[in-house]
Amino acid sequence: MKIAVFCSNQCPGDRILAAYDWARSIRENPALTIISGFHTVIEKDILDILLRGTCQLVIVPARSVEGIRVPAAWKAAIAAGRLRLESPFSPAHRRINRANALLRNQYVAEQADRIVIIHATPGGTLASQAEAWRKHSRTVMMLAELWPGE
């Protein structure tokens, strides 16, 4: 199963803690593939947790992957075949920008069987995208529904 993960830049503390717990609970499942841009601080933290497990990972930057610098922390997972980089962008798209981030999010959502949203700021871009995905019969779950935490 391929799960897309998204989080707004601003995220309440209780959602952050729940996201960390959720990531720890799924990281040892090699049948799962987690796909995300892993761009926001919380998404990066989730990636760090998931890299310590056995689940499959797909990182989709909001730019071309050509010429991308691969962090040392990713190299072992890439070598093990657990992590791959994907991008819907041509080599001409070398910089991350807002328009590319929106297109990347759409691409990630389309690749996934389920979409998990750690937190979407009410009235924000991610909240709008999530609503559109729901209208197009995508399985969108808020982390609070999936993993209520303490």
Foldseek 3Di string as FASTA:
>chain_A
DEEEEAEDLDDDPQLLVLLLVVLLVCLAPQVYEYEYLLPHPSSVVSVLNSLPYRHAYEHEHLFDPVPDDDDPSCVVCVVVVRYDYDYPYDNVGPDHDPVSNLVSVVVSQVVGQAYEYSDDPVVDPVVVVLVVCVVVVRHYYYSCVVGVGD
